[in-house]
Amino acid sequence: MADTVYPRLIGARLRSQMSYRASFALDLATQALAQWVELVVILVLFSHVNALGGFSKEEVLLMYAFAGIAFGIADLFAGQLDNLPTYIRAGTFDVLLLRPLGTLPQIMVSDVRLRRIGRIAGALAVMVYALAQVSVVWTPAKVALAIATPLAGAVIFSAIWVVTCSVCFWIVEGREFANAFTYGSGAFTSYPVNVYSAPLRWVMAFIVPGAFVAYYPSLALLGKQDPLGLPGWVGWTSPLVAALAAGVAALVWRFAVRHYRGTGS
């Protein structure tokens, strides 16, 4: 049943958004420009320095692009979790529980906004440019890594969204806490993690596995040593980290839903 319901729900959302094509095209362009705001910051930064954390402009742009694509994909499907506090306050989440479908997939397909593809396209354009500029010894394994990195990063970001938004089951107004990690991770992963202070690095790079979104895969792709001293094979582990993050997110969500008692209790 779910195999047919979810595609139909997504299809209905997409058709409604595509019905106003001029508005949709404008939204796409706006999202792409929003993605490039951080790009401008990086370019301005490199107008004053030659390297950042030992990385050239093009290498940092590669990290930025990987992180941007991953975040854009995650935002497309998991960004709807930002509305979880509203679902809980209004009692809408209780309605989701009554349906013979998973609560998490229901929320994720509730408002798929195609305009977010503009952010993905903007970051993808930067990735193509960066890969053309950096020195990469291409092998079949590195081609697979370049393709898998944004997808694994999207899973990691989505897992962060699920875990942090689950706090809202206990703290209904916990959206700002969740945003600090979801949108904060999006900004954090756009730069080499070795430029951050040690406490922030440990929290946002390893406890929250942001370092595996773009930093370590970029090191593996570029064939560079990690300034933090971790071995080179770590850069190939992003898909594994993504799978582990997804597993943890599923357990946290299941625990939170199981202990949900509604706002009236």
Protein backbone atom coordinates (compact mmCIF):
# COMPACT_ATOMS: atom_id res chain seq x y z
CA MET A 1 0.00 0.00 0.00
CA ALA A 2 2.72 2.47 1.00
CA ASP A 3 4.53 1.73 -2.27
CA THR A 4 1.68 3.40 -4.16
CA VAL A 5 0.46 5.97 -1.63
CA TYR A 6 3.73 7.88 -1.20
CA PRO A 7 4.42 8.34 -4.94
CA ARG A 8 0.84 9.56 -5.37
CA LEU A 9 1.19 12.07 -2.54
CA ILE A 10 4.47 13.36 -3.95
CA GLY A 11 3.02 13.49 -7.46
CA ALA A 12 0.05 15.55 -6.29
CA ARG A 13 2.36 18.03 -4.56
CA LEU A 14 4.59 18.36 -7.60
CA ARG A 15 1.70 18.88 -10.01
CA SER A 16 0.29 21.66 -7.85
CA GLN A 17 3.67 23.43 -7.78
CA MET A 18 4.22 23.05 -11.52
CA SER A 19 0.83 24.55 -12.36
CA TYR A 20 2.30 28.07 -11.98
CA ARG A 21 5.38 27.74 -14.14
CA ALA A 22 6.54 31.36 -14.09
CA SER A 23 6.36 31.48 -10.31
CA PHE A 24 8.08 28.11 -10.11
CA ALA A 25 10.94 29.26 -12.37
CA LEU A 26 11.37 32.39 -10.26
CA ASP A 27 11.46 30.30 -7.08
CA LEU A 28 14.13 28.06 -8.61
CA ALA A 29 16.28 31.05 -9.52
CA THR A 30 15.83 32.56 -6.06
CA GLN A 31 16.92 29.34 -4.39
CA ALA A 32 19.99 29.08 -6.63
CA LEU A 33 20.96 32.66 -5.76
CA ALA A 34 20.47 31.92 -2.07
CA GLN A 35 22.87 28.99 -2.39
CA TRP A 36 25.46 31.26 -3.99
CA VAL A 37 25.39 33.74 -1.09
CA GLU A 38 27.78 31.48 0.82
CA LEU A 39 29.85 31.17 -2.37
CA VAL A 40 30.31 34.94 -2.40
CA VAL A 41 31.50 34.79 1.21
CA ILE A 42 34.12 32.19 0.26
CA LEU A 43 35.29 34.20 -2.74
CA VAL A 44 35.59 37.38 -0.66
CA LEU A 45 37.54 35.42 1.96
CA PHE A 46 39.98 34.15 -0.65
CA SER A 47 40.48 37.65 -1.99
CA HIS A 48 42.39 38.23 1.28
CA VAL A 49 44.07 34.84 1.82
CA ASN A 50 45.69 32.27 -0.45
CA ALA A 51 44.67 29.20 1.55
CA LEU A 52 42.24 28.23 4.29
CA GLY A 53 43.38 25.51 6.66
CA GLY A 54 45.93 24.42 4.07
CA PHE A 55 43.36 24.19 1.26
CA SER A 56 43.19 26.25 -1.92
CA LYS A 57 40.13 28.15 -3.08
CA GLU A 58 39.11 25.43 -5.53
CA GLU A 59 39.48 22.72 -2.89
CA VAL A 60 37.29 24.64 -0.44
CA LEU A 61 34.76 25.21 -3.23
CA LEU A 62 34.66 21.46 -3.76
CA MET A 63 33.77 20.94 -0.08
CA TYR A 64 31.22 23.73 -0.30
CA ALA A 65 29.64 22.13 -3.36
CA PHE A 66 29.45 18.63 -1.86
CA ALA A 67 27.89 20.06 1.30
CA GLY A 68 25.49 22.25 -0.68
CA ILE A 69 24.18 19.41 -2.83
CA ALA A 70 23.82 17.11 0.17
CA PHE A 71 22.01 19.74 2.23
CA GLY A 72 19.74 20.63 -0.69
CA ILE A 73 18.66 17.01 -1.17
CA ALA A 74 18.10 16.57 2.57
CA ASP A 75 16.14 19.82 2.77
CA LEU A 76 13.96 18.65 -0.13
CA PHE A 77 12.82 15.55 1.74
CA ALA A 78 13.57 16.06 5.44
CA GLY A 79 13.08 19.83 5.70
CA GLN A 80 9.38 19.25 6.36
CA LEU A 81 10.38 18.11 9.86
CA ASP A 82 10.73 21.81 10.72
CA ASN A 83 6.93 21.76 10.90
CA LEU A 84 6.86 19.02 13.56
CA PRO A 85 6.18 21.48 16.44
CA THR A 86 3.11 22.71 14.55
CA TYR A 87 1.94 19.13 13.98
CA ILE A 88 2.25 18.43 17.70
CA ARG A 89 0.63 21.67 18.92
CA ALA A 90 -2.31 21.40 16.52
CA GLY A 91 -2.86 17.71 17.22
CA THR A 92 -2.17 16.84 13.57
CA PHE A 93 0.45 14.31 14.58
CA ASP A 94 -2.28 12.30 16.33
CA VAL A 95 -4.03 12.04 12.95
CA LEU A 96 -0.85 10.67 11.38
CA LEU A 97 -0.72 7.98 14.05
CA LEU A 98 -4.19 6.77 13.06
CA ARG A 99 -3.17 6.09 9.47
CA PRO A 100 -1.69 2.71 8.46
CA LEU A 101 1.49 4.44 7.29
CA GLY A 102 4.76 5.41 8.93
CA THR A 103 4.63 8.80 10.63
CA LEU A 104 8.08 9.87 9.43
CA PRO A 105 7.45 9.17 5.73
CA GLN A 106 4.08 10.92 5.99
CA ILE A 107 5.76 14.10 7.23
CA MET A 108 8.57 13.87 4.69
CA VAL A 109 6.19 13.67 1.71
CA SER A 110 3.72 16.20 3.16
CA ASP A 111 5.28 19.23 1.50
CA VAL A 112 8.00 18.36 -1.02
CA ARG A 113 8.98 21.74 -2.42
CA LEU A 114 10.50 21.50 -5.86
CA ARG A 115 11.93 25.00 -5.66
CA ARG A 116 14.63 23.60 -3.37
CA ILE A 117 16.08 21.96 -6.47
CA GLY A 118 17.40 25.42 -7.28
CA ARG A 119 19.81 25.14 -4.34
CA ILE A 120 20.93 21.73 -5.52
CA ALA A 121 21.48 23.01 -9.07
CA GLY A 122 23.48 25.99 -7.80
CA ALA A 123 25.78 23.76 -5.75
CA LEU A 124 26.05 21.24 -8.59
CA ALA A 125 27.32 23.96 -10.92
CA VAL A 126 30.02 24.86 -8.39
CA MET A 127 30.98 21.18 -8.05
CA VAL A 128 31.47 20.84 -11.81
CA TYR A 129 33.68 23.94 -11.81
CA ALA A 130 35.69 22.83 -8.78
CA LEU A 131 36.30 19.32 -10.12
CA ALA A 132 37.55 20.85 -13.38
CA GLN A 133 40.04 23.02 -11.45
CA VAL A 134 41.43 20.71 -8.77
CA SER A 135 44.00 17.99 -9.38
CA VAL A 136 42.36 14.56 -9.12
CA VAL A 137 43.87 11.28 -10.29
CA TRP A 138 40.67 9.73 -11.53
CA THR A 139 39.97 6.04 -11.01
CA PRO A 140 36.67 4.13 -11.12
CA ALA A 141 36.65 4.19 -7.30
CA LYS A 142 37.04 7.99 -7.22
CA VAL A 143 34.28 8.46 -9.78
CA ALA A 144 32.02 6.38 -7.54
CA LEU A 145 33.16 8.45 -4.55
CA ALA A 146 32.33 11.73 -6.29
CA ILE A 147 28.83 10.45 -7.05
CA ALA A 148 28.22 8.81 -3.68
CA THR A 149 29.47 11.71 -1.54
CA PRO A 150 26.49 14.08 -1.99
CA LEU A 151 24.05 11.18 -1.58
CA ALA A 152 25.71 9.94 1.61
CA GLY A 153 25.87 13.52 2.85
CA ALA A 154 22.13 13.91 2.20
CA VAL A 155 21.44 10.84 4.33
CA ILE A 156 23.64 12.22 7.11
CA PHE A 157 21.89 15.60 7.02
CA SER A 158 18.49 13.89 6.99
CA ALA A 159 19.49 11.81 10.00
CA ILE A 160 20.54 14.98 11.84
CA TRP A 161 17.15 16.49 11.00
CA VAL A 162 15.29 13.46 12.35
CA VAL A 163 17.32 13.15 15.56
CA THR A 164 17.30 16.84 16.49
CA CYS A 165 13.65 17.41 15.58
CA SER A 166 12.70 14.43 17.74
CA VAL A 167 13.43 16.70 20.70
CA CYS A 168 10.16 18.45 19.86
CA PHE A 169 8.24 15.47 21.22
CA TRP A 170 9.42 16.52 24.69
CA ILE A 171 10.03 20.23 24.10
CA VAL A 172 7.34 21.44 21.71
CA GLU A 173 9.18 24.71 21.12
CA GLY A 174 12.42 22.88 20.37
CA ARG A 175 12.66 24.03 16.77
CA GLU A 176 15.45 26.53 17.43
CA PHE A 177 17.50 23.80 19.10
CA ALA A 178 17.02 21.59 16.07
CA ASN A 179 17.87 24.40 13.65
CA ALA A 180 21.19 24.99 15.42
CA PHE A 181 22.25 21.52 14.30
CA THR A 182 20.46 21.16 10.96
CA TYR A 183 21.13 24.55 9.38
CA GLY A 184 24.24 24.96 11.52
CA SER A 185 25.64 21.75 10.07
CA GLY A 186 24.88 23.03 6.59
CA ALA A 187 27.13 26.04 7.19
CA PHE A 188 29.75 24.10 9.16
CA THR A 189 30.35 21.49 6.46
CA SER A 190 31.02 24.08 3.75
CA TYR A 191 34.53 24.69 5.13
CA PRO A 192 37.49 22.51 6.13
CA VAL A 193 36.81 21.26 9.65
CA ASN A 194 40.39 21.92 10.77
CA VAL A 195 39.74 25.69 10.72
CA TYR A 196 37.32 25.42 13.65
CA SER A 197 38.18 25.36 17.34
CA ALA A 198 38.64 21.93 18.91
CA PRO A 199 35.41 21.91 20.99
CA LEU A 200 33.23 22.97 18.06
CA ARG A 201 35.05 20.55 15.77
CA TRP A 202 34.42 17.57 18.05
CA VAL A 203 30.73 18.36 18.42
CA MET A 204 29.85 19.31 14.83
CA ALA A 205 32.35 17.10 12.99
CA PHE A 206 32.36 13.85 14.93
CA ILE A 207 29.50 13.67 17.46
CA VAL A 208 27.31 15.19 14.75
CA PRO A 209 29.12 13.51 11.83
CA GLY A 210 29.44 16.66 9.71
CA ALA A 211 33.06 15.92 8.77
CA PHE A 212 31.88 12.96 6.69
CA VAL A 213 29.57 15.06 4.53
CA ALA A 214 32.26 16.82 2.49
CA TYR A 215 35.59 17.19 4.30
CA TYR A 216 36.84 13.60 4.45
CA PRO A 217 35.45 12.57 1.04
CA SER A 218 37.17 15.62 -0.47
CA LEU A 219 40.48 14.59 1.11
CA ALA A 220 40.14 11.10 -0.38
CA LEU A 221 39.24 12.51 -3.78
CA LEU A 222 42.15 14.95 -3.76
CA GLY A 223 44.60 12.42 -2.32
CA LYS A 224 45.53 14.79 0.53
CA GLN A 225 46.58 13.95 4.07
CA ASP A 226 44.25 14.94 6.89
CA PRO A 227 45.75 17.87 8.88
CA LEU A 228 44.00 16.38 11.92
CA GLY A 229 45.98 13.16 11.54
CA LEU A 230 43.31 10.58 10.70
CA PRO A 231 44.28 7.90 8.14
CA GLY A 232 43.38 8.26 4.47
CA TRP A 233 40.84 5.41 4.42
CA VAL A 234 38.52 7.50 6.62
CA GLY A 235 37.60 9.54 3.54
CA TRP A 236 35.98 6.47 2.00
CA THR A 237 33.69 5.72 4.93
CA SER A 238 30.96 8.31 4.35
CA PRO A 239 28.43 5.75 3.02
CA LEU A 240 29.02 3.62 6.12
CA VAL A 241 28.68 6.63 8.41
CA ALA A 242 25.48 7.59 6.55
CA ALA A 243 24.04 4.10 7.09
CA LEU A 244 24.91 4.22 10.80
CA ALA A 245 23.43 7.72 11.12
CA ALA A 246 20.22 6.58 9.43
CA GLY A 247 20.00 3.62 11.80
CA VAL A 248 20.46 5.84 14.84
CA ALA A 249 17.88 8.30 13.50
CA ALA A 250 15.35 5.50 12.97
CA LEU A 251 15.83 4.27 16.54
CA VAL A 252 15.53 7.77 18.02
CA TRP A 253 12.38 8.51 16.01
CA ARG A 254 10.81 5.19 17.01
CA PHE A 255 11.62 5.81 20.66
CA ALA A 256 10.22 9.35 20.52
CA VAL A 257 6.98 8.31 18.81
CA ARG A 258 6.53 5.40 21.18
CA HIS A 259 6.73 7.77 24.16
CA TYR A 260 4.60 10.49 22.59
CA ARG A 261 1.52 11.23 24.69
CA GLY A 262 0.00 14.20 22.87
CA THR A 263 -0.12 17.83 23.91
CA GLY A 264 -3.29 17.33 25.91
CA SER A 265 -1.81 14.76 28.27
